[in-house]
Protein backbone atom coordinates (compact mmCIF):
# COMPACT_ATOMS: atom_id res chain seq x y z
CA MET A 1 -9.97 -6.54 36.01
CA MET A 2 -9.44 -8.32 32.70
CA LYS A 3 -9.04 -12.10 32.70
CA GLN A 4 -5.61 -13.51 31.95
CA ARG A 5 -5.19 -14.34 28.24
CA LYS A 6 -4.99 -18.07 27.53
CA SER A 7 -3.69 -17.92 23.97
CA LYS A 8 -0.35 -19.54 24.92
CA GLU A 9 -1.88 -22.43 26.88
CA GLU A 10 -2.37 -25.90 25.44
CA GLY A 11 -5.59 -26.15 23.43
CA HIS A 12 -5.66 -22.40 22.82
CA ARG A 13 -4.26 -20.13 20.13
CA ARG A 14 -3.72 -16.41 19.80
CA LYS A 15 -6.54 -14.65 17.99
CA PHE A 16 -6.42 -11.35 16.19
CA LEU A 17 -9.57 -9.22 16.46
CA VAL A 18 -10.68 -6.91 13.64
CA VAL A 19 -13.66 -4.62 14.07
CA ILE A 20 -15.57 -4.46 10.81
CA ASP A 21 -17.11 -1.13 9.87
CA ASP A 22 -17.71 1.02 6.82
CA THR A 23 -14.43 2.92 6.95
CA PRO A 24 -12.00 2.57 4.02
CA GLU A 25 -9.15 1.66 6.38
CA CYS A 26 -10.97 -1.41 7.71
CA HIS A 27 -9.83 -3.36 4.64
CA ARG A 28 -6.14 -2.79 5.53
CA ALA A 29 -6.64 -4.01 9.10
CA LEU A 30 -8.45 -7.09 7.80
CA ILE A 31 -5.74 -8.08 5.31
CA TYR A 32 -2.93 -7.47 7.82
CA ALA A 33 -4.66 -9.49 10.55
CA ALA A 34 -5.49 -12.37 8.20
CA ARG A 35 -1.92 -12.61 6.94
CA ARG A 36 -0.46 -12.19 10.44
CA ALA A 37 -2.76 -14.89 11.84
CA GLU A 38 -1.76 -17.25 9.06
CA SER A 39 1.98 -16.60 9.43
CA THR A 40 1.87 -17.17 13.19
CA GLY A 41 -0.62 -20.05 13.34
CA GLY A 42 -3.22 -17.87 15.00
CA GLY A 43 -6.91 -17.30 14.62
CA LEU A 44 -8.97 -14.38 13.37
CA VAL A 45 -12.17 -12.90 14.77
CA LEU A 46 -14.24 -10.44 12.74
CA LEU A 47 -16.58 -8.34 14.88
CA TYR A 48 -19.46 -6.26 13.58
CA VAL A 49 -21.32 -4.13 16.11
CA ILE A 50 -24.89 -3.08 15.38
CA SER A 51 -25.71 0.22 17.05
CA THR A 52 -28.81 -0.23 19.21
CA GLY A 53 -29.57 3.49 18.96
CA GLU A 54 -31.25 2.69 15.66
CA PHE A 55 -33.98 0.63 17.36
CA GLN A 56 -35.77 3.23 19.48
CA HIS A 57 -39.23 2.61 17.99
CA TRP A 58 -42.39 0.68 18.76
CA ILE A 59 -41.87 -3.02 19.45
CA GLY A 60 -43.02 -4.29 16.03
CA VAL A 61 -40.97 -1.73 14.14
CA GLU A 62 -37.99 -2.33 16.44
CA ASP A 63 -38.07 -6.08 15.72
CA ILE A 64 -38.18 -5.50 11.97
CA MET A 65 -35.35 -2.95 12.13
CA ARG A 66 -33.24 -5.27 14.29
CA ALA A 67 -33.76 -8.17 11.87
CA GLU A 68 -32.84 -5.96 8.89
CA ALA A 69 -29.72 -4.68 10.67
CA ARG A 70 -28.67 -8.24 11.51
CA GLU A 71 -29.21 -9.36 7.91
CA GLU A 72 -27.13 -6.42 6.68
CA ALA A 73 -24.38 -7.24 9.22
CA GLU A 74 -24.32 -10.88 8.10
CA GLY A 75 -23.95 -9.77 4.47
CA ILE A 76 -21.10 -7.39 5.32
CA LEU A 77 -19.29 -10.05 7.35
CA ALA A 78 -19.73 -12.58 4.53
CA ARG A 79 -18.05 -10.16 2.09
CA TYR A 80 -15.14 -9.61 4.48
CA GLU A 81 -14.90 -13.35 5.13
CA ASN A 82 -14.59 -13.92 1.37
CA GLU A 83 -11.84 -11.33 1.27
CA VAL A 84 -9.97 -13.13 4.07
CA ASN A 85 -10.37 -16.42 2.20
CA SER A 86 -8.78 -14.86 -0.91
CA VAL A 87 -5.57 -13.87 0.93
CA SER A 88 -5.25 -16.44 3.71
CA THR A 89 -6.02 -20.01 4.75
CA VAL A 90 -7.30 -18.80 8.12
CA ARG A 91 -11.04 -19.26 8.57
CA PRO A 92 -12.33 -16.34 10.58
CA GLU A 93 -14.87 -16.48 13.38
CA LEU A 94 -17.74 -14.08 12.67
CA VAL A 95 -19.31 -12.24 15.60
CA ILE A 96 -22.25 -9.83 15.57
CA LEU A 97 -23.05 -7.88 18.73
CA GLU A 98 -25.48 -5.06 19.50
CA GLY A 99 -24.72 -1.93 21.48
CA GLN A 100 -22.08 0.76 21.63
CA ARG A 101 -18.92 -0.29 19.84
CA ALA A 102 -16.20 0.25 22.50
CA PRO A 103 -18.06 -1.58 25.32
CA GLN A 104 -18.90 -4.46 22.96
CA ILE A 105 -15.26 -4.80 21.91
CA LEU A 106 -14.20 -4.93 25.55
CA GLU A 107 -16.93 -7.45 26.39
CA LEU A 108 -15.87 -9.77 23.56
CA ILE A 109 -12.23 -9.57 24.66
CA GLU A 110 -13.32 -10.41 28.20
CA GLU A 111 -15.36 -13.41 27.01
CA ASP A 112 -12.82 -14.86 24.56
CA GLU A 113 -9.56 -15.33 26.45
CA ASP A 114 -7.75 -16.26 23.23
CA ILE A 115 -8.16 -12.78 21.73
CA ALA A 116 -4.71 -11.30 22.28
CA ILE A 117 -4.37 -8.48 19.74
CA LEU A 118 -6.79 -5.89 18.38
CA VAL A 119 -5.86 -4.85 14.84
CA LEU A 120 -6.98 -1.44 13.60
CA ALA A 121 -5.94 0.63 10.62
CA ALA A 122 -5.34 4.35 10.65
CA ALA A 123 -7.11 6.48 8.07
CA SER A 124 -4.75 7.75 5.40
CA GLY A 125 -6.57 11.06 4.92
CA SER A 126 -6.12 14.33 6.76
CA GLU A 127 -9.26 13.89 8.92
CA GLY A 128 -7.41 12.04 11.66
CA PRO A 129 -6.65 8.41 12.45
CA GLY A 130 -10.25 7.18 12.15
CA PRO A 131 -13.25 7.01 14.47
CA LEU A 132 -12.39 3.80 16.31
CA ILE A 133 -8.76 4.71 16.96
CA THR A 134 -9.83 8.16 18.12
CA SER A 135 -12.44 6.75 20.51
CA LEU A 136 -10.02 4.20 21.97
CA ALA A 137 -7.21 6.74 22.29
CA THR A 138 -9.40 9.16 24.21
CA LYS A 139 -10.57 6.63 26.81
CA ASN A 140 -9.11 7.15 30.26
CA ASP A 141 -8.85 3.41 30.85
CA ALA A 142 -5.88 1.42 29.59
CA PHE A 143 -6.84 -1.01 26.86
CA PRO A 144 -6.59 -4.64 28.12
CA ILE A 145 -4.66 -6.10 25.16
CA PRO A 146 -2.11 -4.76 22.67
CA VAL A 147 -3.47 -2.79 19.74
CA THR A 148 -1.73 -2.99 16.38
CA ILE A 149 -2.39 0.03 14.18
CA VAL A 150 -1.78 -0.58 10.48
CA PRO A 151 -1.12 2.44 8.25
CA GLY A 152 -4.17 2.88 6.03
CA ASP A 153 -2.02 3.28 2.93
CA LEU A 154 0.30 0.31 3.58
CA ALA A 155 0.75 -1.50 0.27
CA ASP A 156 0.24 -5.27 0.03
CA GLU A 157 3.90 -5.91 -0.84
CA ASP A 158 5.04 -3.87 2.17
CA MET A 159 2.57 -5.76 4.35
CA ASP A 160 3.91 -9.09 3.11
CA ALA A 161 7.41 -8.05 4.19
CA ILE A 162 6.37 -7.49 7.81
CA VAL A 163 3.74 -10.10 8.65
């Protein structure tokens, strides 16, 4: 059972979680969450999950590959952090985890009782809503916190009107 959220208690604040990946729609989720966090006095957590399936090699090679993947993840998060800084005064927390994405998202939510909303963006193409939304929607378990899904083609001016 998921721990009770503490984002409304004294000394805590509601955090918006954005999962950073290489999908085009990730940018929309990031901008929405940054602006929403700023307009509500909340926080922002950017999560990048390194797939451990990439490290199934000999120990020395595995260590090198893991270090390279972490360095790449840090670079990607730094770029997204700069993007947040260009549209918001909120300073995001940057988190890098290793493993399968859905279990790592759930684990982070369990650990950080201030994370209250997961923000995703739907793909705007005809291929479907995007890999993360599809994987979360097909799980049999109920998700432990609300999920906000931002249209992938939502314009900045339309976003400003609703955050």
